[in-house]
Amino acid sequence: MANLAEVYKFPETQCSEVNQHEHIPGDFVKADIEDGYDRIAHKLTDTLANPPVKLSGREFQIINAIVGKTFRWHKKTDWINNVQLSELTGISQSHISEIKNTLIEKAVLLLDGRNIGVNPVVSEWGKTYPKTGKSKLTQKRVKTYPKTGNDLPENGEKLTQKRVTQKKETITKERTKKINKKSLLETLDFSTWPALPSNQIFDDWIAMRKTKKASVSQTVINNFGKQFQLAFEHGLSVDECLSECITRNWQGFKYSWIANANQTQYSNTGQRQSNNIGDQLAYLQDSLSHIPSPHDDEAL
């Protein structure tokens, strides 16, 4: 019994210290490929590290945001509106279009219809920038005088050259139409619409609004989007809603106009065969109740 060993219990400070280091208080965010990673060509990242054209900090933000919206989903280009880019970069929407246009001029970004993406042909970056007109140096005005001294003006007055007015290029109606349509699709945000209409329906709707001298602004697009969302929830597509506007010559649109018209049509089916004058007047009044008033129609 005298040879028994005595057991000592050592403190577990080392383990507790490790556990304390694993939990770091505050907002601790660590990038890990287990949470996802982007597949990007080495040549593209190398070119971004030393671009052939000067890029600002905001331009780098836009490029990285577009890379995340395209290459991350195995897409070369995608339709990315200004609202999404503003949320990703923190840049105000009023500056997004200007930065994108500059990157397009530098050939860093490319357009494919409505879609946008990073130009993979890095050898084209910066070759066409600045465009003609921006790179021209301001020429110093040279004032010419007559060769013979007898023809010099008195009192040291300088001769002024007569300005030659250049004729403006005549723009055809077809070109104007293309410019207006392109500007609408690029400058306006259609993210509030549940879907984009077909080209034919959209062109007919724009033409109808022009005949009514009604402009198409961002406010108009947003107001139509609210009603289109409501109609979409009840089974109507954007094309069907715009077709109703075109057919009925509506400047504005409310889902209740179509809903009331359909409800009146089904509820009064049995009254159409009635010979009672009172029933016929009531049917006529109900059939006209869904038609918007001039004030409502001119709201948009």
C-alpha atoms as a PDB file:
ATOM      1  CA  MET A   1       0.000   0.000   0.000  1.00  0.00           C
ATOM      2  CA  ALA A   2       2.972   2.350   0.355  1.00  0.00           C
ATOM      3  CA  ASN A   3       3.769   2.233  -3.413  1.00  0.00           C
ATOM      4  CA  LEU A   4       0.608   3.983  -4.614  1.00  0.00           C
ATOM      5  CA  ALA A   5       1.099   6.786  -7.197  1.00  0.00           C
ATOM      6  CA  GLU A   6      -0.257  10.238  -6.601  1.00  0.00           C
ATOM      7  CA  VAL A   7      -2.253  11.749  -9.567  1.00  0.00           C
ATOM      8  CA  TYR A   8      -1.976  15.456 -10.295  1.00  0.00           C
ATOM      9  CA  LYS A   9      -4.638  17.280 -12.359  1.00  0.00           C
ATOM     10  CA  PHE A  10      -3.113  19.925 -14.643  1.00  0.00           C
ATOM     11  CA  PRO A  11      -5.121  23.097 -15.475  1.00  0.00           C
ATOM     12  CA  GLU A  12      -6.852  23.180 -18.884  1.00  0.00           C
ATOM     13  CA  THR A  13      -5.850  26.744 -19.727  1.00  0.00           C
ATOM     14  CA  GLN A  14      -4.435  25.829 -23.124  1.00  0.00           C
ATOM     15  CA  CYS A  15      -7.689  24.385 -24.420  1.00  0.00           C
ATOM     16  CA  SER A  16      -9.725  27.274 -23.094  1.00  0.00           C
ATOM     17  CA  GLU A  17      -7.424  29.729 -24.805  1.00  0.00           C
ATOM     18  CA  VAL A  18      -7.900  27.987 -28.154  1.00  0.00           C
ATOM     19  CA  ASN A  19     -11.665  28.076 -27.799  1.00  0.00           C
ATOM     20  CA  GLN A  20     -11.561  31.744 -26.948  1.00  0.00           C
ATOM     21  CA  HIS A  21      -9.585  32.515 -30.106  1.00  0.00           C
ATOM     22  CA  GLU A  22     -12.030  30.606 -32.279  1.00  0.00           C
ATOM     23  CA  HIS A  23     -14.848  32.972 -31.321  1.00  0.00           C
ATOM     24  CA  ILE A  24     -14.004  36.548 -32.204  1.00  0.00           C
ATOM     25  CA  PRO A  25     -16.529  39.120 -31.003  1.00  0.00           C
ATOM     26  CA  GLY A  26     -17.981  41.689 -33.411  1.00  0.00           C
ATOM     27  CA  ASP A  27     -18.664  41.451 -37.151  1.00  0.00           C
ATOM     28  CA  PHE A  28     -16.175  38.843 -38.313  1.00  0.00           C
ATOM     29  CA  VAL A  29     -16.488  37.811 -41.964  1.00  0.00           C
ATOM     30  CA  LYS A  30     -14.017  35.439 -43.584  1.00  0.00           C
ATOM     31  CA  ALA A  31     -13.932  34.691 -47.317  1.00  0.00           C
ATOM     32  CA  ASP A  32     -13.942  30.959 -47.967  1.00  0.00           C
ATOM     33  CA  ILE A  33     -14.229  29.060 -51.257  1.00  0.00           C
ATOM     34  CA  GLU A  34     -16.633  26.686 -49.513  1.00  0.00           C
ATOM     35  CA  ASP A  35     -19.161  29.528 -49.669  1.00  0.00           C
ATOM     36  CA  GLY A  36     -18.680  29.781 -53.453  1.00  0.00           C
ATOM     37  CA  TYR A  37     -16.051  31.020 -55.865  1.00  0.00           C
ATOM     38  CA  ASP A  38     -15.879  32.607 -59.322  1.00  0.00           C
ATOM     39  CA  ARG A  39     -14.280  30.984 -62.339  1.00  0.00           C
ATOM     40  CA  ILE A  40     -12.315  33.749 -64.060  1.00  0.00           C
ATOM     41  CA  ALA A  41      -9.596  33.530 -66.675  1.00  0.00           C
ATOM     42  CA  HIS A  42      -6.107  34.358 -65.414  1.00  0.00           C
ATOM     43  CA  LYS A  43      -5.573  36.745 -68.326  1.00  0.00           C
ATOM     44  CA  LEU A  44      -8.586  38.773 -67.230  1.00  0.00           C
ATOM     45  CA  THR A  45      -7.427  39.135 -63.621  1.00  0.00           C
ATOM     46  CA  ASP A  46      -3.892  39.955 -64.780  1.00  0.00           C
ATOM     47  CA  THR A  47      -5.243  42.652 -67.091  1.00  0.00           C
ATOM     48  CA  LEU A  48      -7.375  44.114 -64.314  1.00  0.00           C
ATOM     49  CA  ALA A  49      -4.289  44.266 -62.125  1.00  0.00           C
ATOM     50  CA  ASN A  50      -2.440  46.299 -64.782  1.00  0.00           C
ATOM     51  CA  PRO A  51      -5.063  47.582 -67.249  1.00  0.00           C
ATOM     52  CA  PRO A  52      -3.965  49.189 -70.538  1.00  0.00           C
ATOM     53  CA  VAL A  53      -6.446  52.013 -69.916  1.00  0.00           C
ATOM     54  CA  LYS A  54      -6.822  54.048 -66.753  1.00  0.00           C
ATOM     55  CA  LEU A  55      -9.677  52.849 -64.520  1.00  0.00           C
ATOM     56  CA  SER A  56     -11.109  54.657 -61.516  1.00  0.00           C
ATOM     57  CA  GLY A  57     -12.140  53.068 -58.245  1.00  0.00           C
ATOM     58  CA  ARG A  58     -15.835  53.257 -59.113  1.00  0.00           C
ATOM     59  CA  GLU A  59     -15.176  51.669 -62.496  1.00  0.00           C
ATOM     60  CA  PHE A  60     -13.455  48.737 -60.766  1.00  0.00           C
ATOM     61  CA  GLN A  61     -16.534  48.405 -58.524  1.00  0.00           C
ATOM     62  CA  ILE A  62     -18.864  48.223 -61.534  1.00  0.00           C
ATOM     63  CA  ILE A  63     -16.610  45.680 -63.278  1.00  0.00           C
ATOM     64  CA  ASN A  64     -16.496  43.417 -60.199  1.00  0.00           C
ATOM     65  CA  ALA A  65     -20.268  43.683 -59.757  1.00  0.00           C
ATOM     66  CA  ILE A  66     -20.870  42.681 -63.387  1.00  0.00           C
ATOM     67  CA  VAL A  67     -18.375  39.801 -63.050  1.00  0.00           C
ATOM     68  CA  GLY A  68     -20.385  38.554 -60.075  1.00  0.00           C
ATOM     69  CA  LYS A  69     -23.622  38.778 -62.061  1.00  0.00           C
ATOM     70  CA  THR A  70     -22.256  37.013 -65.164  1.00  0.00           C
ATOM     71  CA  PHE A  71     -19.222  34.733 -64.730  1.00  0.00           C
ATOM     72  CA  ARG A  72     -20.452  33.555 -61.338  1.00  0.00           C
ATOM     73  CA  TRP A  73     -23.540  32.111 -63.075  1.00  0.00           C
ATOM     74  CA  HIS A  74     -21.567  30.860 -66.093  1.00  0.00           C
ATOM     75  CA  LYS A  75     -22.890  33.646 -68.322  1.00  0.00           C
ATOM     76  CA  LYS A  76     -20.943  35.908 -70.647  1.00  0.00           C
ATOM     77  CA  THR A  77     -23.555  38.696 -70.503  1.00  0.00           C
ATOM     78  CA  ASP A  78     -26.811  39.369 -68.676  1.00  0.00           C
ATOM     79  CA  TRP A  79     -29.460  42.090 -68.328  1.00  0.00           C
ATOM     80  CA  ILE A  80     -28.372  43.964 -65.186  1.00  0.00           C
ATOM     81  CA  ASN A  81     -30.271  47.142 -64.295  1.00  0.00           C
ATOM     82  CA  ASN A  82     -28.937  50.157 -62.449  1.00  0.00           C
ATOM     83  CA  VAL A  83     -30.815  49.285 -59.249  1.00  0.00           C
ATOM     84  CA  GLN A  84     -28.906  46.006 -58.881  1.00  0.00           C
ATOM     85  CA  LEU A  85     -25.543  47.639 -59.563  1.00  0.00           C
ATOM     86  CA  SER A  86     -26.313  50.391 -57.066  1.00  0.00           C
ATOM     87  CA  GLU A  87     -27.171  47.852 -54.356  1.00  0.00           C
ATOM     88  CA  LEU A  88     -23.982  45.865 -55.010  1.00  0.00           C
ATOM     89  CA  THR A  89     -21.575  48.819 -55.192  1.00  0.00           C
ATOM     90  CA  GLY A  90     -23.214  51.485 -53.026  1.00  0.00           C
ATOM     91  CA  ILE A  91     -22.941  53.959 -55.908  1.00  0.00           C
ATOM     92  CA  SER A  92     -26.023  56.125 -56.490  1.00  0.00           C
ATOM     93  CA  GLN A  93     -28.191  55.201 -59.470  1.00  0.00           C
ATOM     94  CA  SER A  94     -27.694  58.656 -60.994  1.00  0.00           C
ATOM     95  CA  HIS A  95     -23.991  57.849 -61.589  1.00  0.00           C
ATOM     96  CA  ILE A  96     -24.306  54.208 -62.664  1.00  0.00           C
ATOM     97  CA  SER A  97     -25.238  54.937 -66.308  1.00  0.00           C
ATOM     98  CA  GLU A  98     -22.406  57.458 -66.718  1.00  0.00           C
ATOM     99  CA  ILE A  99     -19.814  54.984 -65.388  1.00  0.00           C
ATOM    100  CA  LYS A 100     -21.146  52.147 -67.560  1.00  0.00           C
ATOM    101  CA  ASN A 101     -21.046  54.307 -70.698  1.00  0.00           C
ATOM    102  CA  THR A 102     -17.434  55.274 -69.971  1.00  0.00           C
ATOM    103  CA  LEU A 103     -16.451  51.609 -69.561  1.00  0.00           C
ATOM    104  CA  ILE A 104     -18.201  50.790 -72.835  1.00  0.00           C
ATOM    105  CA  GLU A 105     -16.259  53.563 -74.581  1.00  0.00           C
ATOM    106  CA  LYS A 106     -13.064  52.085 -73.134  1.00  0.00           C
ATOM    107  CA  ALA A 107     -14.118  48.670 -74.546  1.00  0.00           C
ATOM    108  CA  VAL A 108     -13.864  47.131 -71.067  1.00  0.00           C
ATOM    109  CA  LEU A 109     -17.594  46.378 -71.114  1.00  0.00           C
ATOM    110  CA  LEU A 110     -19.606  45.294 -74.126  1.00  0.00           C
ATOM    111  CA  LEU A 111     -23.309  45.383 -74.952  1.00  0.00           C
ATOM    112  CA  ASP A 112     -25.292  42.534 -76.469  1.00  0.00           C
ATOM    113  CA  GLY A 113     -28.722  44.029 -77.015  1.00  0.00           C
ATOM    114  CA  ARG A 114     -29.988  44.743 -73.506  1.00  0.00           C
ATOM    115  CA  ASN A 115     -27.353  42.524 -71.914  1.00  0.00           C
ATOM    116  CA  ILE A 116     -23.994  43.741 -70.647  1.00  0.00           C
ATOM    117  CA  GLY A 117     -20.785  41.933 -69.752  1.00  0.00           C
ATOM    118  CA  VAL A 118     -17.005  42.201 -69.459  1.00  0.00           C
ATOM    119  CA  ASN A 119     -15.174  42.196 -72.802  1.00  0.00           C
ATOM    120  CA  PRO A 120     -12.981  39.049 -72.789  1.00  0.00           C
ATOM    121  CA  VAL A 121     -10.853  40.409 -75.654  1.00  0.00           C
ATOM    122  CA  VAL A 122      -8.548  42.371 -73.370  1.00  0.00           C
ATOM    123  CA  SER A 123      -6.397  43.494 -76.310  1.00  0.00           C
ATOM    124  CA  GLU A 124      -9.255  45.817 -77.333  1.00  0.00           C
ATOM    125  CA  TRP A 125      -9.347  47.638 -73.999  1.00  0.00           C
ATOM    126  CA  GLY A 126      -8.568  51.311 -74.354  1.00  0.00           C
ATOM    127  CA  LYS A 127      -7.781  51.251 -78.101  1.00  0.00           C
ATOM    128  CA  THR A 128     -10.830  53.292 -79.090  1.00  0.00           C
ATOM    129  CA  TYR A 129     -10.707  55.641 -76.094  1.00  0.00           C
ATOM    130  CA  PRO A 130     -10.968  58.582 -76.097  1.00  0.00           C
ATOM    131  CA  LYS A 131     -13.291  58.787 -79.062  1.00  0.00           C
ATOM    132  CA  THR A 132     -12.914  61.311 -81.852  1.00  0.00           C
ATOM    133  CA  GLY A 133     -13.572  64.742 -80.477  1.00  0.00           C
ATOM    134  CA  LYS A 134     -12.377  64.141 -76.927  1.00  0.00           C
ATOM    135  CA  SER A 135      -8.728  63.677 -77.930  1.00  0.00           C
ATOM    136  CA  LYS A 136      -8.581  66.784 -80.081  1.00  0.00           C
ATOM    137  CA  LEU A 137      -6.517  69.573 -78.633  1.00  0.00           C
ATOM    138  CA  THR A 138      -8.032  73.009 -78.558  1.00  0.00           C
ATOM    139  CA  GLN A 139      -6.497  74.808 -81.500  1.00  0.00           C
ATOM    140  CA  LYS A 140      -5.152  78.262 -80.924  1.00  0.00           C
ATOM    141  CA  ARG A 141      -6.893  80.830 -83.010  1.00  0.00           C
ATOM    142  CA  VAL A 142      -4.596  82.375 -85.633  1.00  0.00           C
ATOM    143  CA  LYS A 143      -5.656  85.783 -86.837  1.00  0.00           C
ATOM    144  CA  THR A 144      -4.513  86.620 -90.334  1.00  0.00           C
ATOM    145  CA  TYR A 145      -3.850  90.067 -91.715  1.00  0.00           C
ATOM    146  CA  PRO A 146      -3.521  91.294 -95.310  1.00  0.00           C
ATOM    147  CA  LYS A 147      -0.115  90.843 -96.910  1.00  0.00           C
ATOM    148  CA  THR A 148       0.220  94.495 -97.967  1.00  0.00           C
ATOM    149  CA  GLY A 149       0.481  97.143 -95.310  1.00  0.00           C
ATOM    150  CA  ASN A 150      -1.911  99.484 -97.135  1.00  0.00           C
ATOM    151  CA  ASP A 151      -4.832  97.218 -96.434  1.00  0.00           C
ATOM    152  CA  LEU A 152      -4.261  97.049 -92.679  1.00  0.00           C
ATOM    153  CA  PRO A 153      -7.176  98.402 -90.624  1.00  0.00           C
ATOM    154  CA  GLU A 154      -6.735 101.724 -88.872  1.00  0.00           C
ATOM    155  CA  ASN A 155      -6.443 102.234 -85.086  1.00  0.00           C
ATOM    156  CA  GLY A 156      -4.955  98.763 -84.694  1.00  0.00           C
ATOM    157  CA  GLU A 157      -8.322  97.003 -85.097  1.00  0.00           C
ATOM    158  CA  LYS A 158      -7.991  93.255 -85.677  1.00  0.00           C
ATOM    159  CA  LEU A 159      -9.627  91.554 -88.599  1.00  0.00           C
ATOM    160  CA  THR A 160     -12.215  88.932 -87.707  1.00  0.00           C
ATOM    161  CA  GLN A 161     -12.794  85.883 -89.827  1.00  0.00           C
ATOM    162  CA  LYS A 162     -16.292  85.221 -91.016  1.00  0.00           C
ATOM    163  CA  ARG A 163     -17.739  82.151 -89.409  1.00  0.00           C
ATOM    164  CA  VAL A 164     -18.793  79.425 -91.787  1.00  0.00           C
ATOM    165  CA  THR A 165     -21.965  77.741 -90.598  1.00  0.00           C
ATOM    166  CA  GLN A 166     -22.127  74.045 -91.269  1.00  0.00           C
ATOM    167  CA  LYS A 167     -25.329  72.433 -92.410  1.00  0.00           C
ATOM    168  CA  LYS A 168     -26.792  70.014 -89.905  1.00  0.00           C
ATOM    169  CA  GLU A 169     -27.117  66.426 -90.971  1.00  0.00           C
ATOM    170  CA  THR A 170     -30.691  65.516 -91.809  1.00  0.00           C
ATOM    171  CA  ILE A 171     -31.868  62.685 -89.615  1.00  0.00           C
ATOM    172  CA  THR A 172     -34.532  60.440 -91.158  1.00  0.00           C
ATOM    173  CA  LYS A 173     -37.660  59.354 -89.338  1.00  0.00           C
ATOM    174  CA  GLU A 174     -36.472  55.740 -89.269  1.00  0.00           C
ATOM    175  CA  ARG A 175     -33.185  56.695 -87.584  1.00  0.00           C
ATOM    176  CA  THR A 176     -35.021  58.888 -85.066  1.00  0.00           C
ATOM    177  CA  LYS A 177     -37.311  55.998 -84.221  1.00  0.00           C
ATOM    178  CA  LYS A 178     -34.346  53.697 -83.593  1.00  0.00           C
ATOM    179  CA  ILE A 179     -32.625  56.294 -81.398  1.00  0.00           C
ATOM    180  CA  ASN A 180     -35.764  56.883 -79.305  1.00  0.00           C
ATOM    181  CA  LYS A 181     -36.399  53.182 -78.847  1.00  0.00           C
ATOM    182  CA  LYS A 182     -32.780  52.504 -77.868  1.00  0.00           C
ATOM    183  CA  SER A 183     -32.770  55.360 -75.376  1.00  0.00           C
ATOM    184  CA  LEU A 184     -35.973  54.087 -73.734  1.00  0.00           C
ATOM    185  CA  LEU A 185     -34.596  50.575 -73.241  1.00  0.00           C
ATOM    186  CA  GLU A 186     -31.237  51.792 -71.906  1.00  0.00           C
ATOM    187  CA  THR A 187     -32.235  54.767 -69.782  1.00  0.00           C
ATOM    188  CA  LEU A 188     -35.470  53.498 -68.210  1.00  0.00           C
ATOM    189  CA  ASP A 189     -35.675  50.782 -65.562  1.00  0.00           C
ATOM    190  CA  PHE A 190     -38.289  48.067 -66.270  1.00  0.00           C
ATOM    191  CA  SER A 191     -37.540  46.018 -63.152  1.00  0.00           C
ATOM    192  CA  THR A 192     -40.997  46.821 -61.707  1.00  0.00           C
ATOM    193  CA  TRP A 193     -42.647  44.983 -64.617  1.00  0.00           C
ATOM    194  CA  PRO A 194     -43.197  41.241 -64.071  1.00  0.00           C
ATOM    195  CA  ALA A 195     -41.887  40.583 -67.604  1.00  0.00           C
ATOM    196  CA  LEU A 196     -40.805  42.479 -70.710  1.00  0.00           C
ATOM    197  CA  PRO A 197     -43.321  42.724 -73.579  1.00  0.00           C
ATOM    198  CA  SER A 198     -42.695  41.493 -77.097  1.00  0.00           C
ATOM    199  CA  ASN A 199     -41.044  43.933 -79.481  1.00  0.00           C
ATOM    200  CA  GLN A 200     -44.149  44.299 -81.660  1.00  0.00           C
ATOM    201  CA  ILE A 201     -46.480  45.020 -78.722  1.00  0.00           C
ATOM    202  CA  PHE A 202     -43.978  47.471 -77.225  1.00  0.00           C
ATOM    203  CA  ASP A 203     -43.567  49.338 -80.543  1.00  0.00           C
ATOM    204  CA  ASP A 204     -47.344  49.557 -81.042  1.00  0.00           C
ATOM    205  CA  TRP A 205     -47.810  50.857 -77.484  1.00  0.00           C
ATOM    206  CA  ILE A 206     -45.128  53.550 -77.958  1.00  0.00           C
ATOM    207  CA  ALA A 207     -46.727  54.561 -81.273  1.00  0.00           C
ATOM    208  CA  MET A 208     -50.177  54.816 -79.635  1.00  0.00           C
ATOM    209  CA  ARG A 209     -48.819  57.051 -76.860  1.00  0.00           C
ATOM    210  CA  LYS A 210     -47.140  59.281 -79.439  1.00  0.00           C
ATOM    211  CA  THR A 211     -50.483  59.837 -81.182  1.00  0.00           C
ATOM    212  CA  LYS A 212     -51.903  60.930 -77.808  1.00  0.00           C
ATOM    213  CA  LYS A 213     -48.805  63.124 -77.222  1.00  0.00           C
ATOM    214  CA  ALA A 214     -48.050  61.187 -74.021  1.00  0.00           C
ATOM    215  CA  SER A 215     -44.417  60.802 -73.019  1.00  0.00           C
ATOM    216  CA  VAL A 216     -42.850  57.659 -71.556  1.00  0.00           C
ATOM    217  CA  SER A 217     -40.946  58.525 -68.359  1.00  0.00           C
ATOM    218  CA  GLN A 218     -39.648  56.468 -65.423  1.00  0.00           C
ATOM    219  CA  THR A 219     -42.717  57.525 -63.382  1.00  0.00           C
ATOM    220  CA  VAL A 220     -45.008  56.181 -66.111  1.00  0.00           C
ATOM    221  CA  ILE A 221     -43.075  52.887 -66.224  1.00  0.00           C
ATOM    222  CA  ASN A 222     -43.259  52.506 -62.432  1.00  0.00           C
ATOM    223  CA  ASN A 223     -47.016  53.246 -62.301  1.00  0.00           C
ATOM    224  CA  PHE A 224     -47.716  50.781 -65.096  1.00  0.00           C
ATOM    225  CA  GLY A 225     -45.517  48.234 -63.306  1.00  0.00           C
ATOM    226  CA  LYS A 226     -47.690  48.333 -60.166  1.00  0.00           C
ATOM    227  CA  GLN A 227     -50.828  47.598 -62.182  1.00  0.00           C
ATOM    228  CA  PHE A 228     -49.035  44.963 -64.292  1.00  0.00           C
ATOM    229  CA  GLN A 229     -47.956  43.162 -61.114  1.00  0.00           C
ATOM    230  CA  LEU A 230     -51.577  43.094 -59.938  1.00  0.00           C
ATOM    231  CA  ALA A 231     -52.790  41.845 -63.330  1.00  0.00           C
ATOM    232  CA  PHE A 232     -50.001  39.255 -63.465  1.00  0.00           C
ATOM    233  CA  GLU A 233     -51.138  37.838 -60.114  1.00  0.00           C
ATOM    234  CA  HIS A 234     -54.606  37.339 -61.653  1.00  0.00           C
ATOM    235  CA  GLY A 235     -53.299  35.492 -64.709  1.00  0.00           C
ATOM    236  CA  LEU A 236     -52.776  38.322 -67.217  1.00  0.00           C
ATOM    237  CA  SER A 237     -49.486  38.818 -69.040  1.00  0.00           C
ATOM    238  CA  VAL A 238     -47.831  42.146 -69.839  1.00  0.00           C
ATOM    239  CA  ASP A 239     -48.582  41.651 -73.550  1.00  0.00           C
ATOM    240  CA  GLU A 240     -52.275  41.163 -72.793  1.00  0.00           C
ATOM    241  CA  CYS A 241     -52.419  44.329 -70.674  1.00  0.00           C
ATOM    242  CA  LEU A 242     -50.645  46.443 -73.287  1.00  0.00           C
ATOM    243  CA  SER A 243     -52.859  44.963 -76.019  1.00  0.00           C
ATOM    244  CA  GLU A 244     -55.916  46.181 -74.101  1.00  0.00           C
ATOM    245  CA  CYS A 245     -54.380  49.662 -73.897  1.00  0.00           C
ATOM    246  CA  ILE A 246     -53.688  49.656 -77.637  1.00  0.00           C
ATOM    247  CA  THR A 247     -57.107  48.253 -78.622  1.00  0.00           C
ATOM    248  CA  ARG A 248     -59.088  50.580 -76.344  1.00  0.00           C
ATOM    249  CA  ASN A 249     -56.730  53.532 -76.940  1.00  0.00           C
ATOM    250  CA  TRP A 250     -56.004  53.879 -73.221  1.00  0.00           C
ATOM    251  CA  GLN A 251     -53.300  56.298 -72.226  1.00  0.00           C
ATOM    252  CA  GLY A 252     -53.258  54.895 -68.686  1.00  0.00           C
ATOM    253  CA  PHE A 253     -53.965  51.437 -67.317  1.00  0.00           C
ATOM    254  CA  LYS A 254     -55.593  49.961 -64.241  1.00  0.00           C
ATOM    255  CA  TYR A 255     -56.267  46.301 -63.660  1.00  0.00           C
ATOM    256  CA  SER A 256     -59.733  47.164 -62.285  1.00  0.00           C
ATOM    257  CA  TRP A 257     -60.774  48.386 -65.745  1.00  0.00           C
ATOM    258  CA  ILE A 258     -60.266  44.923 -67.237  1.00  0.00           C
ATOM    259  CA  ALA A 259     -61.596  43.123 -64.140  1.00  0.00           C
ATOM    260  CA  ASN A 260     -64.826  45.169 -64.125  1.00  0.00           C
ATOM    261  CA  ALA A 261     -65.271  44.632 -67.848  1.00  0.00           C
ATOM    262  CA  ASN A 262     -64.939  40.849 -67.523  1.00  0.00           C
ATOM    263  CA  GLN A 263     -67.214  40.751 -64.468  1.00  0.00           C
ATOM    264  CA  THR A 264     -69.883  42.756 -66.285  1.00  0.00           C
ATOM    265  CA  GLN A 265     -69.621  40.526 -69.340  1.00  0.00           C
ATOM    266  CA  TYR A 266     -70.265  37.302 -67.375  1.00  0.00           C
ATOM    267  CA  SER A 267     -72.840  38.687 -64.949  1.00  0.00           C
ATOM    268  CA  ASN A 268     -75.021  40.165 -67.693  1.00  0.00           C
ATOM    269  CA  THR A 269     -74.953  37.153 -70.041  1.00  0.00           C
ATOM    270  CA  GLY A 270     -78.410  36.129 -68.946  1.00  0.00           C
ATOM    271  CA  GLN A 271     -79.826  39.640 -69.292  1.00  0.00           C
ATOM    272  CA  ARG A 272     -78.918  40.109 -72.964  1.00  0.00           C
ATOM    273  CA  GLN A 273     -81.962  38.135 -74.163  1.00  0.00           C
ATOM    274  CA  SER A 274     -84.350  40.112 -71.968  1.00  0.00           C
ATOM    275  CA  ASN A 275     -86.977  42.230 -73.738  1.00  0.00           C
ATOM    276  CA  ASN A 276     -87.588  44.355 -70.676  1.00  0.00           C
ATOM    277  CA  ILE A 277     -86.547  47.973 -71.328  1.00  0.00           C
ATOM    278  CA  GLY A 278     -85.496  48.416 -67.722  1.00  0.00           C
ATOM    279  CA  ASP A 279     -83.228  45.342 -67.891  1.00  0.00           C
ATOM    280  CA  GLN A 280     -81.696  46.556 -71.137  1.00  0.00           C
ATOM    281  CA  LEU A 281     -80.935  49.999 -69.661  1.00  0.00           C
ATOM    282  CA  ALA A 282     -79.401  48.407 -66.571  1.00  0.00           C
ATOM    283  CA  TYR A 283     -77.235  46.148 -68.776  1.00  0.00           C
ATOM    284  CA  LEU A 284     -76.101  49.134 -70.835  1.00  0.00           C
ATOM    285  CA  GLN A 285     -75.191  51.082 -67.698  1.00  0.00           C
ATOM    286  CA  ASP A 286     -73.205  48.135 -66.248  1.00  0.00           C
ATOM    287  CA  SER A 287     -71.386  47.521 -69.536  1.00  0.00           C
ATOM    288  CA  LEU A 288     -70.181  51.126 -69.605  1.00  0.00           C
ATOM    289  CA  SER A 289     -69.212  51.311 -65.920  1.00  0.00           C
ATOM    290  CA  HIS A 290     -65.735  49.795 -66.470  1.00  0.00           C
ATOM    291  CA  ILE A 291     -64.702  52.376 -69.094  1.00  0.00           C
ATOM    292  CA  PRO A 292     -62.250  54.860 -67.528  1.00  0.00           C
ATOM    293  CA  SER A 293     -63.175  58.486 -67.418  1.00  0.00           C
ATOM    294  CA  PRO A 294     -61.103  60.999 -69.445  1.00  0.00           C
ATOM    295  CA  HIS A 295     -59.504  62.215 -66.238  1.00  0.00           C
ATOM    296  CA  ASP A 296     -58.389  58.685 -65.260  1.00  0.00           C
ATOM    297  CA  ASP A 297     -57.180  57.904 -68.767  1.00  0.00           C
ATOM    298  CA  GLU A 298     -54.970  61.000 -68.873  1.00  0.00           C
ATOM    299  CA  ALA A 299     -53.393  60.283 -65.490  1.00  0.00           C
ATOM    300  CA  LEU A 300     -50.325  58.650 -67.038  1.00  0.00           C
END
